[in-house]
């Protein structure tokens, strides 16, 4: 088995961390206006209910995402109110 070069390992780990951290920053920014469960065909891939879900044109297809990408979608799938209770109560 080949011995691992610690310096090379650290260099690669740093590079991977840089790549992923920029992806996370971008994803966080997108999540403020685009639902992360919306695929490129504007279909909803969430496995839970959301107020933006619409019936698909073909029965059995994924639900459509009816969101307009102009809102902060994070509240659409919140399951608990800020006080710890159920939303709407």
C-alpha atoms as a PDB file:
ATOM      1  CA  UNK A   1       0.000   0.000   0.000  1.00  0.00           C
ATOM      2  CA  UNK A   2       1.297   3.437  -0.951  1.00  0.00           C
ATOM      3  CA  UNK A   3       2.097   5.830   1.894  1.00  0.00           C
ATOM      4  CA  UNK A   4      -0.003   8.989   2.010  1.00  0.00           C
ATOM      5  CA  UNK A   5       1.870  12.273   1.622  1.00  0.00           C
ATOM      6  CA  UNK A   6       0.432  14.403   4.432  1.00  0.00           C
ATOM      7  CA  UNK A   7       1.230  17.726   2.706  1.00  0.00           C
ATOM      8  CA  UNK A   8      -0.420  16.597  -0.528  1.00  0.00           C
ATOM      9  CA  UNK A   9      -3.417  15.315   1.409  1.00  0.00           C
ATOM     10  CA  UNK A  10      -3.811  18.654   3.219  1.00  0.00           C
ATOM     11  CA  UNK A  11      -3.487  20.529  -0.090  1.00  0.00           C
ATOM     12  CA  UNK A  12      -6.248  18.442  -1.685  1.00  0.00           C
ATOM     13  CA  UNK A  13      -8.476  18.675   1.370  1.00  0.00           C
ATOM     14  CA  UNK A  14      -8.131  22.467   1.345  1.00  0.00           C
ATOM     15  CA  UNK A  15      -9.034  22.594  -2.361  1.00  0.00           C
ATOM     16  CA  UNK A  16     -12.112  20.402  -1.869  1.00  0.00           C
ATOM     17  CA  UNK A  17     -13.201  22.552   1.072  1.00  0.00           C
ATOM     18  CA  UNK A  18     -12.870  25.687  -1.059  1.00  0.00           C
ATOM     19  CA  UNK A  19     -14.983  24.137  -3.826  1.00  0.00           C
ATOM     20  CA  UNK A  20     -17.740  22.982  -1.508  1.00  0.00           C
ATOM     21  CA  UNK A  21     -17.831  26.159   0.553  1.00  0.00           C
ATOM     22  CA  UNK A  22     -18.468  28.252  -2.560  1.00  0.00           C
ATOM     23  CA  UNK A  23     -21.274  25.845  -3.552  1.00  0.00           C
ATOM     24  CA  UNK A  24     -22.853  26.148  -0.116  1.00  0.00           C
ATOM     25  CA  UNK A  25     -22.709  29.947  -0.221  1.00  0.00           C
ATOM     26  CA  UNK A  26     -24.365  29.899  -3.647  1.00  0.00           C
ATOM     27  CA  UNK A  27     -27.042  27.404  -2.528  1.00  0.00           C
ATOM     28  CA  UNK A  28     -27.806  29.487   0.575  1.00  0.00           C
ATOM     29  CA  UNK A  29     -28.253  32.579  -1.570  1.00  0.00           C
ATOM     30  CA  UNK A  30     -30.505  30.738  -4.052  1.00  0.00           C
ATOM     31  CA  UNK A  31     -32.662  29.325  -1.265  1.00  0.00           C
ATOM     32  CA  UNK A  32     -33.873  32.816  -0.411  1.00  0.00           C
ATOM     33  CA  UNK A  33     -35.796  33.026  -3.700  1.00  0.00           C
ATOM     34  CA  UNK A  34     -35.804  29.623  -5.419  1.00  0.00           C
ATOM     35  CA  UNK A  35     -37.211  26.491  -3.838  1.00  0.00           C
ATOM     36  CA  UNK A  36     -34.480  23.828  -3.546  1.00  0.00           C
ATOM     37  CA  UNK A  37     -37.060  21.129  -4.312  1.00  0.00           C
ATOM     38  CA  UNK A  38     -37.931  22.614  -7.715  1.00  0.00           C
ATOM     39  CA  UNK A  39     -36.214  20.782 -10.554  1.00  0.00           C
ATOM     40  CA  UNK A  40     -35.272  22.212 -13.948  1.00  0.00           C
ATOM     41  CA  UNK A  41     -38.711  21.307 -15.327  1.00  0.00           C
ATOM     42  CA  UNK A  42     -40.472  23.343 -12.572  1.00  0.00           C
ATOM     43  CA  UNK A  43     -41.604  20.102 -10.934  1.00  0.00           C
ATOM     44  CA  UNK A  44     -41.715  19.678  -7.172  1.00  0.00           C
ATOM     45  CA  UNK A  45     -39.485  16.889  -5.850  1.00  0.00           C
ATOM     46  CA  UNK A  46     -40.413  17.428  -2.176  1.00  0.00           C
ATOM     47  CA  UNK A  47     -41.734  14.389  -0.330  1.00  0.00           C
ATOM     48  CA  UNK A  48     -43.994  16.587   1.798  1.00  0.00           C
ATOM     49  CA  UNK A  49     -46.777  19.096   1.250  1.00  0.00           C
ATOM     50  CA  UNK A  50     -46.107  22.656   0.187  1.00  0.00           C
ATOM     51  CA  UNK A  51     -48.547  25.464  -0.545  1.00  0.00           C
ATOM     52  CA  UNK A  52     -46.878  26.020  -3.929  1.00  0.00           C
ATOM     53  CA  UNK A  53     -47.554  22.504  -5.251  1.00  0.00           C
ATOM     54  CA  UNK A  54     -49.891  22.254  -8.253  1.00  0.00           C
ATOM     55  CA  UNK A  55     -51.399  19.239 -10.009  1.00  0.00           C
ATOM     56  CA  UNK A  56     -49.392  17.944 -12.963  1.00  0.00           C
ATOM     57  CA  UNK A  57     -50.905  17.969 -16.469  1.00  0.00           C
ATOM     58  CA  UNK A  58     -50.380  14.198 -16.685  1.00  0.00           C
ATOM     59  CA  UNK A  59     -51.676  12.065 -13.821  1.00  0.00           C
ATOM     60  CA  UNK A  60     -48.821  10.282 -12.050  1.00  0.00           C
ATOM     61  CA  UNK A  61     -46.168  12.882 -12.925  1.00  0.00           C
ATOM     62  CA  UNK A  62     -44.452  14.953 -10.264  1.00  0.00           C
ATOM     63  CA  UNK A  63     -46.436  17.869  -8.896  1.00  0.00           C
ATOM     64  CA  UNK A  64     -45.657  21.231 -10.457  1.00  0.00           C
ATOM     65  CA  UNK A  65     -44.064  24.033  -8.469  1.00  0.00           C
ATOM     66  CA  UNK A  66     -46.364  27.049  -8.635  1.00  0.00           C
ATOM     67  CA  UNK A  67     -43.906  29.393  -6.971  1.00  0.00           C
ATOM     68  CA  UNK A  68     -42.758  32.467  -8.856  1.00  0.00           C
ATOM     69  CA  UNK A  69     -39.187  32.647  -7.479  1.00  0.00           C
ATOM     70  CA  UNK A  70     -39.866  36.123  -6.082  1.00  0.00           C
ATOM     71  CA  UNK A  71     -40.494  35.015  -2.502  1.00  0.00           C
ATOM     72  CA  UNK A  72     -38.458  33.599   0.331  1.00  0.00           C
ATOM     73  CA  UNK A  73     -39.538  29.963  -0.070  1.00  0.00           C
ATOM     74  CA  UNK A  74     -38.096  28.729   3.197  1.00  0.00           C
ATOM     75  CA  UNK A  75     -41.352  29.439   5.056  1.00  0.00           C
ATOM     76  CA  UNK A  76     -43.346  27.311   2.579  1.00  0.00           C
ATOM     77  CA  UNK A  77     -42.178  24.082   4.181  1.00  0.00           C
ATOM     78  CA  UNK A  78     -41.777  25.163   7.792  1.00  0.00           C
ATOM     79  CA  UNK A  79     -43.641  22.773  10.049  1.00  0.00           C
ATOM     80  CA  UNK A  80     -43.431  24.645  13.335  1.00  0.00           C
ATOM     81  CA  UNK A  81     -44.272  28.217  14.211  1.00  0.00           C
ATOM     82  CA  UNK A  82     -41.624  30.357  15.868  1.00  0.00           C
ATOM     83  CA  UNK A  83     -43.259  29.797  19.255  1.00  0.00           C
ATOM     84  CA  UNK A  84     -42.841  26.039  18.801  1.00  0.00           C
ATOM     85  CA  UNK A  85     -46.492  25.389  17.994  1.00  0.00           C
ATOM     86  CA  UNK A  86     -48.123  24.325  14.758  1.00  0.00           C
ATOM     87  CA  UNK A  87     -48.429  27.028  12.062  1.00  0.00           C
ATOM     88  CA  UNK A  88     -51.781  28.800  11.996  1.00  0.00           C
ATOM     89  CA  UNK A  89     -52.521  28.200  15.664  1.00  0.00           C
END
